[in-house]
PDB file of N, CA and C in Angstrom:
ATOM      1  N   MET A   1      10.273 -23.178  -6.134  1.00  0.00           N
ATOM      2  CA  MET A   1      11.012 -22.293  -7.006  1.00  0.00           C
ATOM      3  C   MET A   1      12.188 -21.624  -6.281  1.00  0.00           C
ATOM      4  N   PRO A   2      12.000 -21.156  -5.036  1.00  0.00           N
ATOM      5  CA  PRO A   2      13.157 -20.544  -4.365  1.00  0.00           C
ATOM      6  C   PRO A   2      14.302 -21.534  -4.165  1.00  0.00           C
ATOM      7  N   LEU A   3      13.970 -22.792  -3.914  1.00  0.00           N
ATOM      8  CA  LEU A   3      15.012 -23.795  -3.744  1.00  0.00           C
ATOM      9  C   LEU A   3      15.775 -24.015  -5.055  1.00  0.00           C
ATOM     10  N   ILE A   4      15.054 -24.033  -6.149  1.00  0.00           N
ATOM     11  CA  ILE A   4      15.691 -24.189  -7.466  1.00  0.00           C
ATOM     12  C   ILE A   4      16.608 -23.007  -7.749  1.00  0.00           C
ATOM     13  N   LEU A   5      16.143 -21.798  -7.416  1.00  0.00           N
ATOM     14  CA  LEU A   5      16.972 -20.612  -7.638  1.00  0.00           C
ATOM     15  C   LEU A   5      18.218 -20.636  -6.757  1.00  0.00           C
ATOM     16  N   LEU A   6      18.084 -21.113  -5.526  1.00  0.00           N
ATOM     17  CA  LEU A   6      19.246 -21.212  -4.640  1.00  0.00           C
ATOM     18  C   LEU A   6      20.260 -22.212  -5.188  1.00  0.00           C
ATOM     19  N   ILE A   7      19.784 -23.358  -5.658  1.00  0.00           N
ATOM     20  CA  ILE A   7      20.682 -24.363  -6.232  1.00  0.00           C
ATOM     21  C   ILE A   7      21.347 -23.823  -7.493  1.00  0.00           C
ATOM     22  N   MET A   8      20.567 -23.126  -8.317  1.00  0.00           N
ATOM     23  CA  MET A   8      21.147 -22.547  -9.528  1.00  0.00           C
ATOM     24  C   MET A   8      22.186 -21.481  -9.188  1.00  0.00           C
ATOM     25  N   LEU A   9      21.946 -20.704  -8.137  1.00  0.00           N
ATOM     26  CA  LEU A   9      22.906 -19.682  -7.733  1.00  0.00           C
ATOM     27  C   LEU A   9      24.245 -20.305  -7.363  1.00  0.00           C
ATOM     28  N   ILE A  10      24.185 -21.470  -6.747  1.00  0.00           N
ATOM     29  CA  ILE A  10      25.412 -22.141  -6.325  1.00  0.00           C
ATOM     30  C   ILE A  10      26.120 -22.814  -7.508  1.00  0.00           C
ATOM     31  N   PHE A  11      25.361 -23.451  -8.398  1.00  0.00           N
ATOM     32  CA  PHE A  11      25.970 -24.295  -9.422  1.00  0.00           C
ATOM     33  C   PHE A  11      26.053 -23.680 -10.825  1.00  0.00           C
ATOM     34  N   VAL A  12      25.485 -22.507 -11.033  1.00  0.00           N
ATOM     35  CA  VAL A  12      25.520 -21.912 -12.377  1.00  0.00           C
ATOM     36  C   VAL A  12      26.947 -21.459 -12.695  1.00  0.00           C
ATOM     37  N   ASP A  13      27.358 -21.758 -13.915  1.00  0.00           N
ATOM     38  CA  ASP A  13      28.662 -21.320 -14.396  1.00  0.00           C
ATOM     39  C   ASP A  13      28.578 -19.820 -14.699  1.00  0.00           C
ATOM     40  N   ARG A  14      29.240 -19.034 -13.884  1.00  0.00           N
ATOM     41  CA  ARG A  14      29.129 -17.570 -14.011  1.00  0.00           C
ATOM     42  C   ARG A  14      29.880 -17.029 -15.229  1.00  0.00           C
ATOM     43  N   ASN A  15      30.700 -17.830 -15.847  1.00  0.00           N
ATOM     44  CA  ASN A  15      31.413 -17.398 -17.047  1.00  0.00           C
ATOM     45  C   ASN A  15      30.582 -17.600 -18.306  1.00  0.00           C
ATOM     46  N   ASN A  16      29.543 -18.430 -18.240  1.00  0.00           N
ATOM     47  CA  ASN A  16      28.673 -18.683 -19.375  1.00  0.00           C
ATOM     48  C   ASN A  16      27.531 -17.667 -19.347  1.00  0.00           C
ATOM     49  N   THR A  17      27.495 -16.796 -20.335  1.00  0.00           N
ATOM     50  CA  THR A  17      26.518 -15.707 -20.374  1.00  0.00           C
ATOM     51  C   THR A  17      25.090 -16.224 -20.469  1.00  0.00           C
ATOM     52  N   ALA A  18      24.873 -17.297 -21.202  1.00  0.00           N
ATOM     53  CA  ALA A  18      23.523 -17.843 -21.360  1.00  0.00           C
ATOM     54  C   ALA A  18      22.979 -18.326 -20.011  1.00  0.00           C
ATOM     55  N   TYR A  19      23.832 -18.956 -19.211  1.00  0.00           N
ATOM     56  CA  TYR A  19      23.388 -19.427 -17.895  1.00  0.00           C
ATOM     57  C   TYR A  19      23.044 -18.251 -16.980  1.00  0.00           C
ATOM     58  N   VAL A  20      23.867 -17.236 -17.004  1.00  0.00           N
ATOM     59  CA  VAL A  20      23.640 -16.063 -16.150  1.00  0.00           C
ATOM     60  C   VAL A  20      22.368 -15.347 -16.571  1.00  0.00           C
ATOM     61  N   VAL A  21      22.163 -15.161 -17.857  1.00  0.00           N
ATOM     62  CA  VAL A  21      20.960 -14.499 -18.350  1.00  0.00           C
ATOM     63  C   VAL A  21      19.725 -15.339 -18.016  1.00  0.00           C
ATOM     64  N   GLY A  22      19.811 -16.637 -18.173  1.00  0.00           N
ATOM     65  CA  GLY A  22      18.693 -17.518 -17.830  1.00  0.00           C
ATOM     66  C   GLY A  22      18.365 -17.461 -16.350  1.00  0.00           C
ATOM     67  N   PHE A  23      19.395 -17.459 -15.507  1.00  0.00           N
ATOM     68  CA  PHE A  23      19.178 -17.370 -14.063  1.00  0.00           C
ATOM     69  C   PHE A  23      18.534 -16.041 -13.697  1.00  0.00           C
ATOM     70  N   LEU A  24      19.041 -14.952 -14.238  1.00  0.00           N
ATOM     71  CA  LEU A  24      18.472 -13.630 -13.940  1.00  0.00           C
ATOM     72  C   LEU A  24      17.030 -13.515 -14.446  1.00  0.00           C
ATOM     73  N   PHE A  25      16.755 -14.113 -15.601  1.00  0.00           N
ATOM     74  CA  PHE A  25      15.386 -14.106 -16.119  1.00  0.00           C
ATOM     75  C   PHE A  25      14.445 -14.836 -15.163  1.00  0.00           C
ATOM     76  N   LEU A  26      14.833 -16.015 -14.711  1.00  0.00           N
ATOM     77  CA  LEU A  26      14.001 -16.763 -13.761  1.00  0.00           C
ATOM     78  C   LEU A  26      13.830 -16.006 -12.444  1.00  0.00           C
ATOM     79  N   LEU A  27      14.908 -15.383 -11.983  1.00  0.00           N
ATOM     80  CA  LEU A  27      14.845 -14.628 -10.731  1.00  0.00           C
ATOM     81  C   LEU A  27      13.878 -13.451 -10.846  1.00  0.00           C
ATOM     82  N   PHE A  28      13.972 -12.686 -11.924  1.00  0.00           N
ATOM     83  CA  PHE A  28      13.070 -11.550 -12.111  1.00  0.00           C
ATOM     84  C   PHE A  28      11.634 -12.006 -12.352  1.00  0.00           C
ATOM     85  N   LEU A  29      11.458 -13.088 -13.079  1.00  0.00           N
ATOM     86  CA  LEU A  29      10.119 -13.623 -13.321  1.00  0.00           C
ATOM     87  C   LEU A  29       9.467 -14.050 -12.008  1.00  0.00           C
ATOM     88  N   TYR A  30      10.205 -14.747 -11.164  1.00  0.00           N
ATOM     89  CA  TYR A  30       9.673 -15.179  -9.879  1.00  0.00           C
ATOM     90  C   TYR A  30       9.344 -13.977  -8.995  1.00  0.00           C
ATOM     91  N   THR A  31      10.200 -12.959  -9.021  1.00  0.00           N
ATOM     92  CA  THR A  31       9.951 -11.746  -8.241  1.00  0.00           C
ATOM     93  C   THR A  31       8.693 -11.041  -8.720  1.00  0.00           C
ATOM     94  N   ILE A  32       8.503 -10.938 -10.019  1.00  0.00           N
ATOM     95  CA  ILE A  32       7.308 -10.296 -10.574  1.00  0.00           C
ATOM     96  C   ILE A  32       6.055 -11.067 -10.186  1.00  0.00           C
ATOM     97  N   ILE A  33       6.129 -12.397 -10.232  1.00  0.00           N
ATOM     98  CA  ILE A  33       4.977 -13.218  -9.849  1.00  0.00           C
ATOM     99  C   ILE A  33       4.633 -12.993  -8.376  1.00  0.00           C
ATOM    100  N   LEU A  34       5.636 -12.963  -7.506  1.00  0.00           N
ATOM    101  CA  LEU A  34       5.384 -12.741  -6.081  1.00  0.00           C
ATOM    102  C   LEU A  34       4.772 -11.371  -5.812  1.00  0.00           C
ATOM    103  N   VAL A  35       5.316 -10.346  -6.431  1.00  0.00           N
ATOM    104  CA  VAL A  35       4.790  -8.992  -6.228  1.00  0.00           C
ATOM    105  C   VAL A  35       3.365  -8.893  -6.745  1.00  0.00           C
ATOM    106  N   THR A  36       3.095  -9.508  -7.885  1.00  0.00           N
ATOM    107  CA  THR A  36       1.747  -9.486  -8.447  1.00  0.00           C
ATOM    108  C   THR A  36       0.760 -10.182  -7.520  1.00  0.00           C
ATOM    109  N   ARG A  37       1.142 -11.313  -6.965  1.00  0.00           N
ATOM    110  CA  ARG A  37       0.251 -12.028  -6.038  1.00  0.00           C
ATOM    111  C   ARG A  37       0.002 -11.223  -4.771  1.00  0.00           C
ATOM    112  N   ILE A  38       1.016 -10.537  -4.266  1.00  0.00           N
ATOM    113  CA  ILE A  38       0.845  -9.719  -3.070  1.00  0.00           C
ATOM    114  C   ILE A  38      -0.078  -8.548  -3.347  1.00  0.00           C
ATOM    115  N   LEU A  39       0.096  -7.887  -4.485  1.00  0.00           N
ATOM    116  CA  LEU A  39      -0.768  -6.757  -4.823  1.00  0.00           C
ATOM    117  C   LEU A  39      -2.207  -7.202  -5.058  1.00  0.00           C
ATOM    118  N   TYR A  40      -2.391  -8.374  -5.664  1.00  0.00           N
ATOM    119  CA  TYR A  40      -3.743  -8.893  -5.873  1.00  0.00           C
ATOM    120  C   TYR A  40      -4.403  -9.228  -4.539  1.00  0.00           C
ATOM    121  N   ALA A  41      -3.639  -9.836  -3.626  1.00  0.00           N
ATOM    122  CA  ALA A  41      -4.184 -10.163  -2.305  1.00  0.00           C
ATOM    123  C   ALA A  41      -4.563  -8.892  -1.550  1.00  0.00           C
ATOM    124  N   LYS A  42      -3.761  -7.856  -1.700  1.00  0.00           N
ATOM    125  CA  LYS A  42      -4.078  -6.573  -1.064  1.00  0.00           C
ATOM    126  C   LYS A  42      -5.370  -5.996  -1.643  1.00  0.00           C
ATOM    127  N   LYS A  43      -5.526  -6.088  -2.947  1.00  0.00           N
ATOM    128  CA  LYS A  43      -6.726  -5.574  -3.598  1.00  0.00           C
ATOM    129  C   LYS A  43      -7.967  -6.331  -3.129  1.00  0.00           C
ATOM    130  N   VAL A  44      -7.867  -7.649  -3.058  1.00  0.00           N
ATOM    131  CA  VAL A  44      -8.991  -8.467  -2.614  1.00  0.00           C
ATOM    132  C   VAL A  44      -9.314  -8.178  -1.149  1.00  0.00           C
ATOM    133  N   TRP A  45      -8.285  -8.030  -0.321  1.00  0.00           N
ATOM    134  CA  TRP A  45      -8.478  -7.739   1.093  1.00  0.00           C
ATOM    135  C   TRP A  45      -9.215  -6.419   1.259  1.00  0.00           C
ATOM    136  N   ASN A  46      -8.765  -5.395   0.542  1.00  0.00           N
ATOM    137  CA  ASN A  46      -9.412  -4.086   0.666  1.00  0.00           C
ATOM    138  C   ASN A  46     -10.838  -4.106   0.139  1.00  0.00           C
ATOM    139  N   LYS A  47     -11.076  -4.875  -0.898  1.00  0.00           N
ATOM    140  CA  LYS A  47     -12.426  -4.968  -1.445  1.00  0.00           C
ATOM    141  C   LYS A  47     -13.352  -5.707  -0.476  1.00  0.00           C
ATOM    142  N   GLU A  48     -12.841  -6.736   0.165  1.00  0.00           N
ATOM    143  CA  GLU A  48     -13.654  -7.554   1.053  1.00  0.00           C
ATOM    144  C   GLU A  48     -13.992  -6.838   2.360  1.00  0.00           C
ATOM    145  N   PHE A  49     -13.060  -6.081   2.887  1.00  0.00           N
ATOM    146  CA  PHE A  49     -13.247  -5.489   4.209  1.00  0.00           C
ATOM    147  C   PHE A  49     -13.522  -3.986   4.185  1.00  0.00           C
ATOM    148  N   SER A  50     -13.866  -3.424   3.064  1.00  0.00           N
ATOM    149  CA  SER A  50     -14.162  -1.999   3.022  1.00  0.00           C
ATOM    150  C   SER A  50     -15.663  -1.760   2.887  1.00  0.00           C
ATOM    151  N   ASP A  51     -16.440  -2.618   3.484  1.00  0.00           N
ATOM    152  CA  ASP A  51     -17.891  -2.503   3.447  1.00  0.00           C
ATOM    153  C   ASP A  51     -18.322  -1.298   4.274  1.00  0.00           C
ATOM    154  N   LYS A  52     -19.219  -0.499   3.753  1.00  0.00           N
ATOM    155  CA  LYS A  52     -19.682   0.710   4.439  1.00  0.00           C
ATOM    156  C   LYS A  52     -20.438   0.389   5.727  1.00  0.00           C
ATOM    157  N   ASN A  53     -21.092  -0.758   5.790  1.00  0.00           N
ATOM    158  CA  ASN A  53     -21.829  -1.133   6.997  1.00  0.00           C
ATOM    159  C   ASN A  53     -20.897  -1.296   8.191  1.00  0.00           C
ATOM    160  N   TYR A  54     -19.711  -1.829   7.943  1.00  0.00           N
ATOM    161  CA  TYR A  54     -18.773  -2.045   9.031  1.00  0.00           C
ATOM    162  C   TYR A  54     -17.975  -0.778   9.346  1.00  0.00           C
ATOM    163  N   ALA A  55     -17.753   0.060   8.374  1.00  0.00           N
ATOM    164  CA  ALA A  55     -16.953   1.267   8.584  1.00  0.00           C
ATOM    165  C   ALA A  55     -17.664   2.265   9.491  1.00  0.00           C
ATOM    166  N   ASN A  56     -18.978   2.364   9.420  1.00  0.00           N
ATOM    167  CA  ASN A  56     -19.722   3.352  10.192  1.00  0.00           C
ATOM    168  C   ASN A  56     -20.412   2.768  11.423  1.00  0.00           C
ATOM    169  N   ASP A  57     -20.124   1.534  11.762  1.00  0.00           N
ATOM    170  CA  ASP A  57     -20.776   0.882  12.895  1.00  0.00           C
ATOM    171  C   ASP A  57     -20.073   1.282  14.197  1.00  0.00           C
ATOM    172  N   ALA A  58     -20.795   1.958  15.082  1.00  0.00           N
ATOM    173  CA  ALA A  58     -20.210   2.432  16.338  1.00  0.00           C
ATOM    174  C   ALA A  58     -20.019   1.309  17.352  1.00  0.00           C
ATOM    175  N   SER A  59     -20.662   0.163  17.156  1.00  0.00           N
ATOM    176  CA  SER A  59     -20.533  -0.932  18.120  1.00  0.00           C
ATOM    177  C   SER A  59     -19.225  -1.704  17.961  1.00  0.00           C
ATOM    178  N   ILE A  60     -18.485  -1.441  16.889  1.00  0.00           N
ATOM    179  CA  ILE A  60     -17.208  -2.114  16.682  1.00  0.00           C
ATOM    180  C   ILE A  60     -16.124  -1.280  17.355  1.00  0.00           C
ATOM    181  N   ILE A  61     -15.619  -1.790  18.457  1.00  0.00           N
ATOM    182  CA  ILE A  61     -14.589  -1.072  19.204  1.00  0.00           C
ATOM    183  C   ILE A  61     -13.225  -1.739  19.011  1.00  0.00           C
ATOM    184  N   LYS A  62     -13.219  -3.046  19.001  1.00  0.00           N
ATOM    185  CA  LYS A  62     -11.965  -3.765  18.827  1.00  0.00           C
ATOM    186  C   LYS A  62     -12.117  -4.806  17.733  1.00  0.00           C
ATOM    187  N   MET A  63     -11.023  -5.426  17.383  1.00  0.00           N
ATOM    188  CA  MET A  63     -10.999  -6.364  16.267  1.00  0.00           C
ATOM    189  C   MET A  63     -11.922  -7.556  16.508  1.00  0.00           C
ATOM    190  N   GLN A  64     -12.032  -8.007  17.738  1.00  0.00           N
ATOM    191  CA  GLN A  64     -12.901  -9.152  18.040  1.00  0.00           C
ATOM    192  C   GLN A  64     -14.361  -8.837  17.725  1.00  0.00           C
ATOM    193  N   ASP A  65     -14.777  -7.594  17.963  1.00  0.00           N
ATOM    194  CA  ASP A  65     -16.144  -7.192  17.624  1.00  0.00           C
ATOM    195  C   ASP A  65     -16.383  -7.286  16.122  1.00  0.00           C
ATOM    196  N   GLN A  66     -15.385  -6.864  15.362  1.00  0.00           N
ATOM    197  CA  GLN A  66     -15.522  -6.911  13.909  1.00  0.00           C
ATOM    198  C   GLN A  66     -15.533  -8.353  13.411  1.00  0.00           C
ATOM    199  N   ILE A  67     -14.737  -9.198  13.997  1.00  0.00           N
ATOM    200  CA  ILE A  67     -14.717 -10.616  13.593  1.00  0.00           C
ATOM    201  C   ILE A  67     -16.076 -11.257  13.864  1.00  0.00           C
ATOM    202  N   GLU A  68     -16.670 -10.934  15.004  1.00  0.00           N
ATOM    203  CA  GLU A  68     -17.982 -11.467  15.316  1.00  0.00           C
ATOM    204  C   GLU A  68     -19.033 -10.978  14.315  1.00  0.00           C
ATOM    205  N   LYS A  69     -18.922  -9.739  13.875  1.00  0.00           N
ATOM    206  CA  LYS A  69     -19.869  -9.209  12.875  1.00  0.00           C
ATOM    207  C   LYS A  69     -19.699  -9.934  11.540  1.00  0.00           C
ATOM    208  N   PHE A  70     -18.456 -10.226  11.174  1.00  0.00           N
ATOM    209  CA  PHE A  70     -18.204 -10.925   9.914  1.00  0.00           C
ATOM    210  C   PHE A  70     -18.756 -12.346   9.950  1.00  0.00           C
ATOM    211  N   ASP A  71     -18.716 -12.972  11.109  1.00  0.00           N
ATOM    212  CA  ASP A  71     -19.168 -14.357  11.231  1.00  0.00           C
ATOM    213  C   ASP A  71     -20.691 -14.482  11.109  1.00  0.00           C
ATOM    214  N   LYS A  72     -21.409 -13.412  11.315  1.00  0.00           N
ATOM    215  CA  LYS A  72     -22.874 -13.465  11.252  1.00  0.00           C
ATOM    216  C   LYS A  72     -23.392 -13.557   9.848  1.00  0.00           C
TER     217      LYS A  72
END
């Protein structure tokens, strides 16, 4: 999709209002999709790694300790 938008940016007739509106619609739609996916990934990440067992565990000092706990 980004490649298509780049090609459209170069070749779209800027004097034709329909082309400009169509390009802007695709650009905003793609941006909304990307932001939505990032926010969803953040939500899933926080849900997955906010376990109370890991938050209060004193044996986890560094990230490697936490990774080892997750692997168990």
